[in-house]
Amino acid sequence: MTPRLRNLVRIARDSNGARGEALRVWFFRLAGRVTPMLGVEHAGLRLVVSTGETAGVGFYTFVHGGYEEQTIERLLAALERRLGLSSLRGLTVLEVGSNIGTETVSMLGRHGAARVVAIEPDPDNARFLRANLALNGLEGRAKVLELALSDVDSKLRLERSPDNWGDHRIRVASPTGPSLSVEHERTTVEVPARTLDSLIEAGDVDVGTLDLVWMDVQGHEAHVLAGAERLVDAGIPIVTEYWPYGLNRVGALERFHRLVVERHDEILDLRPNQPGPPAVIAARDVAVLADRYPRDEFAASTDLLLVPRG
């Protein structure tokens, strides 16, 4: 059975609310012709999303009501299992790559985080991020830094996906991997970049108050970790996307593996659809994940909890 036919069967049977989902997909695409944004309410939280983002976070949030909630739930299970933390309540989270604020608002409004320092380089995403915080009355518990984290203090080019605002990426000078999403044809915008270490030194981020780092920067994770040595001494756990295609494209997959081995004891694979508790891997074996999530497959990715040494 083809995927298209399988989806039609789901809609006909209304499996797991498939008809309502199909209706929201149709409405989102129709609304894009007449309005630049739509609102969605889920679990007591309200978000505005752009109708111009036809395949990314905004689209998924409107159709399904939330985004990354399964990952957050598996993260909470992993934190309780390995670190004795049963919730985000009262914690301060550094979120690197906040996009339009779906996780920011959820961590603050639904999961009880005390404060989020939200870092987002794209101007449009940052505007929606601020709007969504204000819409939920959470702007007083969040600090938004409109910049990119990297391994340098400089100006960098951000390549912008035309249909998925969650797939904007920092462009490196000489990409080494294949281009499966015609990234070389994307428009770019110049954005300020800082290392986390320099933000901490300048007082823009207080590492002494941080309890958790949540990072999703589309293949730039190794660059961010390289500029964040202060996190090692602080012993802060890190949740990070692991996307071998994106890391490999910018020549940073082995660099990511090396930094994990040097700085962490264990890794927990938070992949949402795997049965049972998150798989635990010794940090020295991080490279085995590249076999589970091949670098030549665009959609092969997961989220990892990096457990600090000690």
C-alpha atoms as a PDB file:
ATOM      1  CA  MET A   1       0.000   0.000   0.000  1.00  0.00           C
ATOM      2  CA  THR A   2       1.413   3.378  -1.000  1.00  0.00           C
ATOM      3  CA  PRO A   3       1.786   6.146   1.652  1.00  0.00           C
ATOM      4  CA  ARG A   4      -0.918   8.203  -0.113  1.00  0.00           C
ATOM      5  CA  LEU A   5      -3.386   5.316  -0.103  1.00  0.00           C
ATOM      6  CA  ARG A   6      -2.524   4.477   3.508  1.00  0.00           C
ATOM      7  CA  ASN A   7      -3.281   8.069   4.496  1.00  0.00           C
ATOM      8  CA  LEU A   8      -6.629   7.974   2.651  1.00  0.00           C
ATOM      9  CA  VAL A   9      -7.523   4.815   4.584  1.00  0.00           C
ATOM     10  CA  ARG A  10      -6.634   6.564   7.858  1.00  0.00           C
ATOM     11  CA  ILE A  11      -8.903   9.479   6.968  1.00  0.00           C
ATOM     12  CA  ALA A  12     -11.771   7.181   5.897  1.00  0.00           C
ATOM     13  CA  ARG A  13     -11.546   5.275   9.193  1.00  0.00           C
ATOM     14  CA  ASP A  14     -10.820   8.465  11.176  1.00  0.00           C
ATOM     15  CA  SER A  15      -7.906   6.671  12.834  1.00  0.00           C
ATOM     16  CA  ASN A  16      -6.509   8.773  15.720  1.00  0.00           C
ATOM     17  CA  GLY A  17      -8.516  11.807  14.596  1.00  0.00           C
ATOM     18  CA  ALA A  18      -7.201  11.668  11.021  1.00  0.00           C
ATOM     19  CA  ARG A  19     -10.205  13.552   9.617  1.00  0.00           C
ATOM     20  CA  GLY A  20      -9.704  16.522  11.897  1.00  0.00           C
ATOM     21  CA  GLU A  21      -6.005  16.516  11.074  1.00  0.00           C
ATOM     22  CA  ALA A  22      -6.740  16.498   7.344  1.00  0.00           C
ATOM     23  CA  LEU A  23      -9.194  19.359   7.794  1.00  0.00           C
ATOM     24  CA  ARG A  24      -6.587  21.450   9.621  1.00  0.00           C
ATOM     25  CA  VAL A  25      -4.030  20.760   6.883  1.00  0.00           C
ATOM     26  CA  TRP A  26      -6.524  21.911   4.248  1.00  0.00           C
ATOM     27  CA  PHE A  27      -7.506  24.995   6.275  1.00  0.00           C
ATOM     28  CA  PHE A  28      -3.873  26.003   6.890  1.00  0.00           C
ATOM     29  CA  ARG A  29      -3.061  25.877   3.200  1.00  0.00           C
ATOM     30  CA  LEU A  30      -6.212  27.788   2.272  1.00  0.00           C
ATOM     31  CA  ALA A  31      -5.587  30.418   4.970  1.00  0.00           C
ATOM     32  CA  GLY A  32      -2.165  31.123   3.497  1.00  0.00           C
ATOM     33  CA  ARG A  33      -3.907  32.836   0.578  1.00  0.00           C
ATOM     34  CA  VAL A  34      -5.688  35.386   2.777  1.00  0.00           C
ATOM     35  CA  THR A  35      -3.790  35.863   6.077  1.00  0.00           C
ATOM     36  CA  PRO A  36      -0.106  35.945   7.090  1.00  0.00           C
ATOM     37  CA  MET A  37      -0.699  34.164  10.405  1.00  0.00           C
ATOM     38  CA  LEU A  38      -3.051  31.926  12.356  1.00  0.00           C
ATOM     39  CA  GLY A  39      -3.632  31.234  16.032  1.00  0.00           C
ATOM     40  CA  VAL A  40      -3.759  27.846  17.756  1.00  0.00           C
ATOM     41  CA  GLU A  41      -4.687  26.914  21.325  1.00  0.00           C
ATOM     42  CA  HIS A  42      -3.515  23.700  22.960  1.00  0.00           C
ATOM     43  CA  ALA A  43      -3.335  22.594  26.604  1.00  0.00           C
ATOM     44  CA  GLY A  44      -4.207  26.110  27.772  1.00  0.00           C
ATOM     45  CA  LEU A  45      -1.463  27.789  25.745  1.00  0.00           C
ATOM     46  CA  ARG A  46      -1.893  30.021  22.709  1.00  0.00           C
ATOM     47  CA  LEU A  47       0.488  30.430  19.804  1.00  0.00           C
ATOM     48  CA  VAL A  48       0.538  32.426  16.592  1.00  0.00           C
ATOM     49  CA  VAL A  49       2.182  30.803  13.573  1.00  0.00           C
ATOM     50  CA  SER A  50       3.028  32.000  10.084  1.00  0.00           C
ATOM     51  CA  THR A  51       0.993  30.612   7.196  1.00  0.00           C
ATOM     52  CA  GLY A  52       4.042  31.181   5.021  1.00  0.00           C
ATOM     53  CA  GLU A  53       5.823  28.275   6.714  1.00  0.00           C
ATOM     54  CA  THR A  54       4.193  25.404   4.869  1.00  0.00           C
ATOM     55  CA  ALA A  55       6.297  22.463   6.091  1.00  0.00           C
ATOM     56  CA  GLY A  56       7.878  23.360   9.410  1.00  0.00           C
ATOM     57  CA  VAL A  57       7.237  24.082  13.073  1.00  0.00           C
ATOM     58  CA  GLY A  58       4.356  26.504  12.507  1.00  0.00           C
ATOM     59  CA  PHE A  59       2.532  24.128  10.162  1.00  0.00           C
ATOM     60  CA  TYR A  60       3.045  21.143  12.472  1.00  0.00           C
ATOM     61  CA  THR A  61       1.931  23.120  15.521  1.00  0.00           C
ATOM     62  CA  PHE A  62      -1.287  24.252  13.863  1.00  0.00           C
ATOM     63  CA  VAL A  63      -2.124  20.766  12.593  1.00  0.00           C
ATOM     64  CA  HIS A  64      -1.215  18.822  15.746  1.00  0.00           C
ATOM     65  CA  GLY A  65      -1.585  21.430  18.507  1.00  0.00           C
ATOM     66  CA  GLY A  66       1.941  21.175  19.915  1.00  0.00           C
ATOM     67  CA  TYR A  67       5.530  20.507  18.949  1.00  0.00           C
ATOM     68  CA  GLU A  68       8.261  18.334  20.546  1.00  0.00           C
ATOM     69  CA  GLU A  69       5.976  17.361  23.444  1.00  0.00           C
ATOM     70  CA  GLN A  70       6.951  13.698  23.120  1.00  0.00           C
ATOM     71  CA  THR A  71      10.610  14.683  23.341  1.00  0.00           C
ATOM     72  CA  ILE A  72       9.957  16.757  26.461  1.00  0.00           C
ATOM     73  CA  GLU A  73       8.120  13.831  28.096  1.00  0.00           C
ATOM     74  CA  ARG A  74      10.974  11.430  27.322  1.00  0.00           C
ATOM     75  CA  LEU A  75      13.442  14.032  28.550  1.00  0.00           C
ATOM     76  CA  LEU A  76      11.628  14.242  31.886  1.00  0.00           C
ATOM     77  CA  ALA A  77      11.728  10.455  32.206  1.00  0.00           C
ATOM     78  CA  ALA A  78      15.451  10.466  31.422  1.00  0.00           C
ATOM     79  CA  LEU A  79      16.202  13.300  33.867  1.00  0.00           C
ATOM     80  CA  GLU A  80      14.407  11.455  36.659  1.00  0.00           C
ATOM     81  CA  ARG A  81      16.142   8.195  35.849  1.00  0.00           C
ATOM     82  CA  ARG A  82      19.703   9.539  35.627  1.00  0.00           C
ATOM     83  CA  LEU A  83      19.718  12.808  37.598  1.00  0.00           C
ATOM     84  CA  GLY A  84      16.785  12.594  40.016  1.00  0.00           C
ATOM     85  CA  LEU A  85      14.884  15.496  38.448  1.00  0.00           C
ATOM     86  CA  SER A  86      11.201  14.663  38.070  1.00  0.00           C
ATOM     87  CA  SER A  87      10.126  17.861  36.289  1.00  0.00           C
ATOM     88  CA  LEU A  88      11.295  21.195  34.901  1.00  0.00           C
ATOM     89  CA  ARG A  89       9.492  23.014  37.709  1.00  0.00           C
ATOM     90  CA  GLY A  90      11.637  25.787  39.123  1.00  0.00           C
ATOM     91  CA  LEU A  91      14.514  25.211  36.682  1.00  0.00           C
ATOM     92  CA  THR A  92      16.292  27.724  34.454  1.00  0.00           C
ATOM     93  CA  VAL A  93      16.749  26.527  30.884  1.00  0.00           C
ATOM     94  CA  LEU A  94      19.044  27.879  28.189  1.00  0.00           C
ATOM     95  CA  GLU A  95      17.302  27.199  24.880  1.00  0.00           C
ATOM     96  CA  VAL A  96      19.578  27.473  21.849  1.00  0.00           C
ATOM     97  CA  GLY A  97      17.568  27.714  18.634  1.00  0.00           C
ATOM     98  CA  SER A  98      14.194  28.764  20.040  1.00  0.00           C
ATOM     99  CA  ASN A  99      12.445  29.201  16.686  1.00  0.00           C
ATOM    100  CA  ILE A 100       8.954  30.695  17.222  1.00  0.00           C
ATOM    101  CA  GLY A 101       8.798  29.682  20.873  1.00  0.00           C
ATOM    102  CA  THR A 102       6.802  26.452  20.847  1.00  0.00           C
ATOM    103  CA  GLU A 103       9.146  24.729  23.336  1.00  0.00           C
ATOM    104  CA  THR A 104       9.870  27.991  25.189  1.00  0.00           C
ATOM    105  CA  VAL A 105       6.181  28.572  25.917  1.00  0.00           C
ATOM    106  CA  SER A 106       5.599  24.894  26.752  1.00  0.00           C
ATOM    107  CA  MET A 107       8.520  24.686  29.191  1.00  0.00           C
ATOM    108  CA  LEU A 108       7.382  27.844  30.977  1.00  0.00           C
ATOM    109  CA  GLY A 109       3.604  27.550  30.770  1.00  0.00           C
ATOM    110  CA  ARG A 110       3.033  23.816  30.871  1.00  0.00           C
ATOM    111  CA  HIS A 111       6.062  22.281  32.559  1.00  0.00           C
ATOM    112  CA  GLY A 112       6.756  24.929  35.187  1.00  0.00           C
ATOM    113  CA  ALA A 113      10.254  26.103  34.286  1.00  0.00           C
ATOM    114  CA  ALA A 114      11.073  29.221  36.271  1.00  0.00           C
ATOM    115  CA  ARG A 115      12.976  30.975  33.488  1.00  0.00           C
ATOM    116  CA  VAL A 116      14.161  30.424  29.916  1.00  0.00           C
ATOM    117  CA  VAL A 117      17.022  32.222  28.193  1.00  0.00           C
ATOM    118  CA  ALA A 118      15.957  31.887  24.549  1.00  0.00           C
ATOM    119  CA  ILE A 119      18.507  32.309  21.754  1.00  0.00           C
ATOM    120  CA  GLU A 120      17.249  32.724  18.178  1.00  0.00           C
ATOM    121  CA  PRO A 121      19.137  34.345  15.266  1.00  0.00           C
ATOM    122  CA  ASP A 122      16.403  34.645  12.631  1.00  0.00           C
ATOM    123  CA  PRO A 123      14.573  38.012  12.771  1.00  0.00           C
ATOM    124  CA  ASP A 124      11.152  36.625  11.754  1.00  0.00           C
ATOM    125  CA  ASN A 125      11.354  33.710  14.169  1.00  0.00           C
ATOM    126  CA  ALA A 126      12.406  36.062  16.961  1.00  0.00           C
ATOM    127  CA  ARG A 127       9.373  38.300  16.353  1.00  0.00           C
ATOM    128  CA  PHE A 128       7.003  35.327  16.606  1.00  0.00           C
ATOM    129  CA  LEU A 129       8.917  34.110  19.677  1.00  0.00           C
ATOM    130  CA  ARG A 130       8.374  37.426  21.471  1.00  0.00           C
ATOM    131  CA  ALA A 131       4.726  37.543  20.371  1.00  0.00           C
ATOM    132  CA  ASN A 132       4.040  34.036  21.674  1.00  0.00           C
ATOM    133  CA  LEU A 133       5.659  34.792  25.014  1.00  0.00           C
ATOM    134  CA  ALA A 134       3.539  37.948  25.343  1.00  0.00           C
ATOM    135  CA  LEU A 135       0.372  36.143  24.232  1.00  0.00           C
ATOM    136  CA  ASN A 136       0.760  33.789  27.200  1.00  0.00           C
ATOM    137  CA  GLY A 137       1.907  36.416  29.688  1.00  0.00           C
ATOM    138  CA  LEU A 138       5.348  34.810  29.958  1.00  0.00           C
ATOM    139  CA  GLU A 139       7.614  37.595  28.714  1.00  0.00           C
ATOM    140  CA  GLY A 140       8.700  38.396  32.294  1.00  0.00           C
ATOM    141  CA  ARG A 141      10.102  34.880  32.735  1.00  0.00           C
ATOM    142  CA  ALA A 142      12.077  34.762  29.488  1.00  0.00           C
ATOM    143  CA  LYS A 143      15.105  36.567  28.135  1.00  0.00           C
ATOM    144  CA  VAL A 144      15.403  36.647  24.331  1.00  0.00           C
ATOM    145  CA  LEU A 145      18.832  37.035  22.726  1.00  0.00           C
ATOM    146  CA  GLU A 146      18.549  37.614  18.973  1.00  0.00           C
ATOM    147  CA  LEU A 147      21.821  36.086  17.816  1.00  0.00           C
ATOM    148  CA  ALA A 148      23.461  32.803  16.831  1.00  0.00           C
ATOM    149  CA  LEU A 149      25.642  30.744  19.128  1.00  0.00           C
ATOM    150  CA  SER A 150      28.806  29.440  17.514  1.00  0.00           C
ATOM    151  CA  ASP A 151      32.527  28.994  18.144  1.00  0.00           C
ATOM    152  CA  VAL A 152      33.400  32.604  17.191  1.00  0.00           C
ATOM    153  CA  ASP A 153      32.330  36.144  18.027  1.00  0.00           C
ATOM    154  CA  SER A 154      31.627  37.464  14.554  1.00  0.00           C
ATOM    155  CA  LYS A 155      29.009  38.005  11.857  1.00  0.00           C
ATOM    156  CA  LEU A 156      27.792  34.842  10.119  1.00  0.00           C
ATOM    157  CA  ARG A 157      25.428  34.053   7.256  1.00  0.00           C
ATOM    158  CA  LEU A 158      22.136  32.365   8.108  1.00  0.00           C
ATOM    159  CA  GLU A 159      20.655  30.450   5.179  1.00  0.00           C
ATOM    160  CA  ARG A 160      16.859  30.537   5.316  1.00  0.00           C
ATOM    161  CA  SER A 161      14.608  27.672   4.285  1.00  0.00           C
ATOM    162  CA  PRO A 162      11.666  29.023   2.246  1.00  0.00           C
ATOM    163  CA  ASP A 163       9.099  26.609   3.721  1.00  0.00           C
ATOM    164  CA  ASN A 164      10.503  25.369   7.052  1.00  0.00           C
ATOM    165  CA  TRP A 165      11.575  28.083   9.479  1.00  0.00           C
ATOM    166  CA  GLY A 166      12.982  25.395  11.766  1.00  0.00           C
ATOM    167  CA  ASP A 167      15.531  24.467   9.102  1.00  0.00           C
ATOM    168  CA  HIS A 168      17.356  27.814   8.870  1.00  0.00           C
ATOM    169  CA  ARG A 169      21.074  27.058   9.225  1.00  0.00           C
ATOM    170  CA  ILE A 170      24.339  28.843   9.780  1.00  0.00           C
ATOM    171  CA  ARG A 171      26.288  28.606   6.526  1.00  0.00           C
ATOM    172  CA  VAL A 172      29.908  27.536   6.754  1.00  0.00           C
ATOM    173  CA  ALA A 173      32.503  28.609   4.190  1.00  0.00           C
ATOM    174  CA  SER A 174      32.977  25.214   2.529  1.00  0.00           C
ATOM    175  CA  PRO A 175      30.237  22.624   3.052  1.00  0.00           C
ATOM    176  CA  THR A 176      31.640  19.102   2.700  1.00  0.00           C
ATOM    177  CA  GLY A 177      28.574  16.870   2.612  1.00  0.00           C
ATOM    178  CA  PRO A 178      25.875  16.348  -0.018  1.00  0.00           C
ATOM    179  CA  SER A 179      23.121  18.897  -0.603  1.00  0.00           C
ATOM    180  CA  LEU A 180      19.869  16.943  -0.353  1.00  0.00           C
ATOM    181  CA  SER A 181      17.712  20.038   0.204  1.00  0.00           C
ATOM    182  CA  VAL A 182      19.299  22.412  -2.350  1.00  0.00           C
ATOM    183  CA  GLU A 183      20.698  24.425   0.525  1.00  0.00           C
ATOM    184  CA  HIS A 184      23.101  26.257  -1.785  1.00  0.00           C
ATOM    185  CA  GLU A 185      20.141  28.001  -3.453  1.00  0.00           C
ATOM    186  CA  ARG A 186      18.738  29.502  -0.259  1.00  0.00           C
ATOM    187  CA  THR A 187      18.768  33.198   0.463  1.00  0.00           C
ATOM    188  CA  THR A 188      20.924  34.287   3.387  1.00  0.00           C
ATOM    189  CA  VAL A 189      20.907  37.038   5.977  1.00  0.00           C
ATOM    190  CA  GLU A 190      23.805  38.253   8.111  1.00  0.00           C
ATOM    191  CA  VAL A 191      23.357  37.647  11.847  1.00  0.00           C
ATOM    192  CA  PRO A 192      25.518  38.383  14.893  1.00  0.00           C
ATOM    193  CA  ALA A 193      27.226  35.338  16.410  1.00  0.00           C
ATOM    194  CA  ARG A 194      28.702  34.862  19.886  1.00  0.00           C
ATOM    195  CA  THR A 195      30.210  32.015  21.816  1.00  0.00           C
ATOM    196  CA  LEU A 196      28.380  30.992  24.955  1.00  0.00           C
ATOM    197  CA  ASP A 197      31.613  31.530  26.876  1.00  0.00           C
ATOM    198  CA  SER A 198      31.733  35.182  25.774  1.00  0.00           C
ATOM    199  CA  LEU A 199      28.054  35.692  26.691  1.00  0.00           C
ATOM    200  CA  ILE A 200      28.779  34.280  30.138  1.00  0.00           C
ATOM    201  CA  GLU A 201      31.863  36.492  30.535  1.00  0.00           C
ATOM    202  CA  ALA A 202      29.841  39.570  29.525  1.00  0.00           C
ATOM    203  CA  GLY A 203      27.072  38.729  31.990  1.00  0.00           C
ATOM    204  CA  ASP A 204      24.425  38.145  29.320  1.00  0.00           C
ATOM    205  CA  VAL A 205      24.034  34.550  30.526  1.00  0.00           C
ATOM    206  CA  ASP A 206      24.501  33.552  34.179  1.00  0.00           C
ATOM    207  CA  VAL A 207      25.916  30.023  34.083  1.00  0.00           C
ATOM    208  CA  GLY A 208      25.534  29.753  37.840  1.00  0.00           C
ATOM    209  CA  THR A 209      21.740  29.767  37.537  1.00  0.00           C
ATOM    210  CA  LEU A 210      21.430  27.359  34.595  1.00  0.00           C
ATOM    211  CA  ASP A 211      20.013  23.887  35.195  1.00  0.00           C
ATOM    212  CA  LEU A 212      19.581  22.590  31.646  1.00  0.00           C
ATOM    213  CA  VAL A 213      20.560  23.410  28.051  1.00  0.00           C
ATOM    214  CA  TRP A 214      18.129  22.591  25.215  1.00  0.00           C
ATOM    215  CA  MET A 215      19.742  22.897  21.775  1.00  0.00           C
ATOM    216  CA  ASP A 216      18.513  22.479  18.205  1.00  0.00           C
ATOM    217  CA  VAL A 217      20.623  24.398  15.696  1.00  0.00           C
ATOM    218  CA  GLN A 218      20.402  22.291  12.541  1.00  0.00           C
ATOM    219  CA  GLY A 219      23.895  20.851  12.290  1.00  0.00           C
ATOM    220  CA  HIS A 220      25.725  23.678  14.085  1.00  0.00           C
ATOM    221  CA  GLU A 221      25.751  21.844  17.440  1.00  0.00           C
ATOM    222  CA  ALA A 222      29.486  21.044  17.385  1.00  0.00           C
ATOM    223  CA  HIS A 223      30.308  24.722  16.830  1.00  0.00           C
ATOM    224  CA  VAL A 224      28.104  25.719  19.778  1.00  0.00           C
ATOM    225  CA  LEU A 225      29.675  23.104  22.085  1.00  0.00           C
ATOM    226  CA  ALA A 226      33.192  24.174  21.048  1.00  0.00           C
ATOM    227  CA  GLY A 227      32.410  27.709  22.218  1.00  0.00           C
ATOM    228  CA  ALA A 228      30.836  26.553  25.491  1.00  0.00           C
ATOM    229  CA  GLU A 229      33.681  25.255  27.636  1.00  0.00           C
ATOM    230  CA  ARG A 230      32.180  26.953  30.708  1.00  0.00           C
ATOM    231  CA  LEU A 231      29.331  24.409  30.614  1.00  0.00           C
ATOM    232  CA  VAL A 232      31.844  21.634  31.318  1.00  0.00           C
ATOM    233  CA  ASP A 233      32.944  23.094  34.642  1.00  0.00           C
ATOM    234  CA  ALA A 234      29.338  23.835  35.591  1.00  0.00           C
ATOM    235  CA  GLY A 235      28.256  20.227  34.981  1.00  0.00           C
ATOM    236  CA  ILE A 236      25.023  21.175  33.195  1.00  0.00           C
ATOM    237  CA  PRO A 237      23.120  18.461  31.290  1.00  0.00           C
ATOM    238  CA  ILE A 238      22.468  19.198  27.621  1.00  0.00           C
ATOM    239  CA  VAL A 239      19.606  18.118  25.390  1.00  0.00           C
ATOM    240  CA  THR A 240      20.708  18.367  21.776  1.00  0.00           C
ATOM    241  CA  GLU A 241      19.434  17.359  18.392  1.00  0.00           C
ATOM    242  CA  TYR A 242      21.627  14.746  16.745  1.00  0.00           C
ATOM    243  CA  TRP A 243      21.279  15.035  12.970  1.00  0.00           C
ATOM    244  CA  PRO A 244      24.207  13.370  11.203  1.00  0.00           C
ATOM    245  CA  TYR A 245      23.220  14.747   7.777  1.00  0.00           C
ATOM    246  CA  GLY A 246      23.333  18.343   9.013  1.00  0.00           C
ATOM    247  CA  LEU A 247      26.532  17.812  11.018  1.00  0.00           C
ATOM    248  CA  ASN A 248      28.222  15.999   8.145  1.00  0.00           C
ATOM    249  CA  ARG A 249      27.247  18.642   5.608  1.00  0.00           C
ATOM    250  CA  VAL A 250      29.298  21.253   7.471  1.00  0.00           C
ATOM    251  CA  GLY A 251      32.140  18.827   8.256  1.00  0.00           C
ATOM    252  CA  ALA A 252      31.344  18.716  11.980  1.00  0.00           C
ATOM    253  CA  LEU A 253      30.115  15.178  12.699  1.00  0.00           C
ATOM    254  CA  GLU A 254      33.446  13.859  14.003  1.00  0.00           C
ATOM    255  CA  ARG A 255      33.997  17.113  15.900  1.00  0.00           C
ATOM    256  CA  PHE A 256      30.650  16.628  17.649  1.00  0.00           C
ATOM    257  CA  HIS A 257      31.562  13.044  18.559  1.00  0.00           C
ATOM    258  CA  ARG A 258      34.952  14.138  19.912  1.00  0.00           C
ATOM    259  CA  LEU A 259      33.475  16.872  22.120  1.00  0.00           C
ATOM    260  CA  VAL A 260      30.889  14.479  23.558  1.00  0.00           C
ATOM    261  CA  VAL A 261      33.590  11.911  24.395  1.00  0.00           C
ATOM    262  CA  GLU A 262      35.779  14.556  26.061  1.00  0.00           C
ATOM    263  CA  ARG A 263      33.060  16.164  28.167  1.00  0.00           C
ATOM    264  CA  HIS A 264      30.352  13.657  29.022  1.00  0.00           C
ATOM    265  CA  ASP A 265      29.865  10.295  30.705  1.00  0.00           C
ATOM    266  CA  GLU A 266      26.636   9.011  29.220  1.00  0.00           C
ATOM    267  CA  ILE A 267      24.176   9.671  26.406  1.00  0.00           C
ATOM    268  CA  LEU A 268      20.462   8.913  26.455  1.00  0.00           C
ATOM    269  CA  ASP A 269      18.707   8.595  23.097  1.00  0.00           C
ATOM    270  CA  LEU A 270      15.354  10.393  23.438  1.00  0.00           C
ATOM    271  CA  ARG A 271      13.900   9.188  20.121  1.00  0.00           C
ATOM    272  CA  PRO A 272      10.111   9.511  20.706  1.00  0.00           C
ATOM    273  CA  ASN A 273       8.865   6.331  19.047  1.00  0.00           C
ATOM    274  CA  GLN A 274      11.235   3.781  20.555  1.00  0.00           C
ATOM    275  CA  PRO A 275       9.648   1.426  23.126  1.00  0.00           C
ATOM    276  CA  GLY A 276      10.642   1.508  26.773  1.00  0.00           C
ATOM    277  CA  PRO A 277      12.940   4.001  28.492  1.00  0.00           C
ATOM    278  CA  PRO A 278      15.561   5.958  26.525  1.00  0.00           C
ATOM    279  CA  ALA A 279      18.563   3.877  25.500  1.00  0.00           C
ATOM    280  CA  VAL A 280      21.720   4.599  27.516  1.00  0.00           C
ATOM    281  CA  ILE A 281      25.052   4.753  25.688  1.00  0.00           C
ATOM    282  CA  ALA A 282      28.522   5.371  27.095  1.00  0.00           C
ATOM    283  CA  ALA A 283      29.822   8.699  25.777  1.00  0.00           C
ATOM    284  CA  ARG A 284      32.911   7.004  24.364  1.00  0.00           C
ATOM    285  CA  ASP A 285      30.583   5.037  22.057  1.00  0.00           C
ATOM    286  CA  VAL A 286      28.735   8.063  20.652  1.00  0.00           C
ATOM    287  CA  ALA A 287      29.894   7.306  17.100  1.00  0.00           C
ATOM    288  CA  VAL A 288      27.678   4.193  16.992  1.00  0.00           C
ATOM    289  CA  LEU A 289      24.715   6.562  16.687  1.00  0.00           C
ATOM    290  CA  ALA A 290      25.874   7.464  13.185  1.00  0.00           C
ATOM    291  CA  ASP A 291      25.008   3.886  12.188  1.00  0.00           C
ATOM    292  CA  ARG A 292      21.541   4.165  13.729  1.00  0.00           C
ATOM    293  CA  TYR A 293      20.951   7.565  12.086  1.00  0.00           C
ATOM    294  CA  PRO A 294      22.842   7.507   8.742  1.00  0.00           C
ATOM    295  CA  ARG A 295      24.500  10.704   7.575  1.00  0.00           C
ATOM    296  CA  ASP A 296      23.237  10.247   4.007  1.00  0.00           C
ATOM    297  CA  GLU A 297      19.541  10.224   5.039  1.00  0.00           C
ATOM    298  CA  PHE A 298      18.022  13.685   5.400  1.00  0.00           C
ATOM    299  CA  ALA A 299      15.315  12.702   7.903  1.00  0.00           C
ATOM    300  CA  ALA A 300      17.462  10.473  10.145  1.00  0.00           C
ATOM    301  CA  SER A 301      17.748  12.315  13.473  1.00  0.00           C
ATOM    302  CA  THR A 302      17.011  12.130  17.178  1.00  0.00           C
ATOM    303  CA  ASP A 303      17.487  14.098  20.400  1.00  0.00           C
ATOM    304  CA  LEU A 304      20.135  13.196  22.957  1.00  0.00           C
ATOM    305  CA  LEU A 305      20.525  13.920  26.655  1.00  0.00           C
ATOM    306  CA  LEU A 306      24.241  14.446  27.321  1.00  0.00           C
ATOM    307  CA  VAL A 307      24.962  13.607  30.957  1.00  0.00           C
ATOM    308  CA  PRO A 308      27.918  15.598  32.357  1.00  0.00           C
ATOM    309  CA  ARG A 309      30.872  13.911  33.995  1.00  0.00           C
ATOM    310  CA  GLY A 310      30.342  13.214  37.677  1.00  0.00           C
END
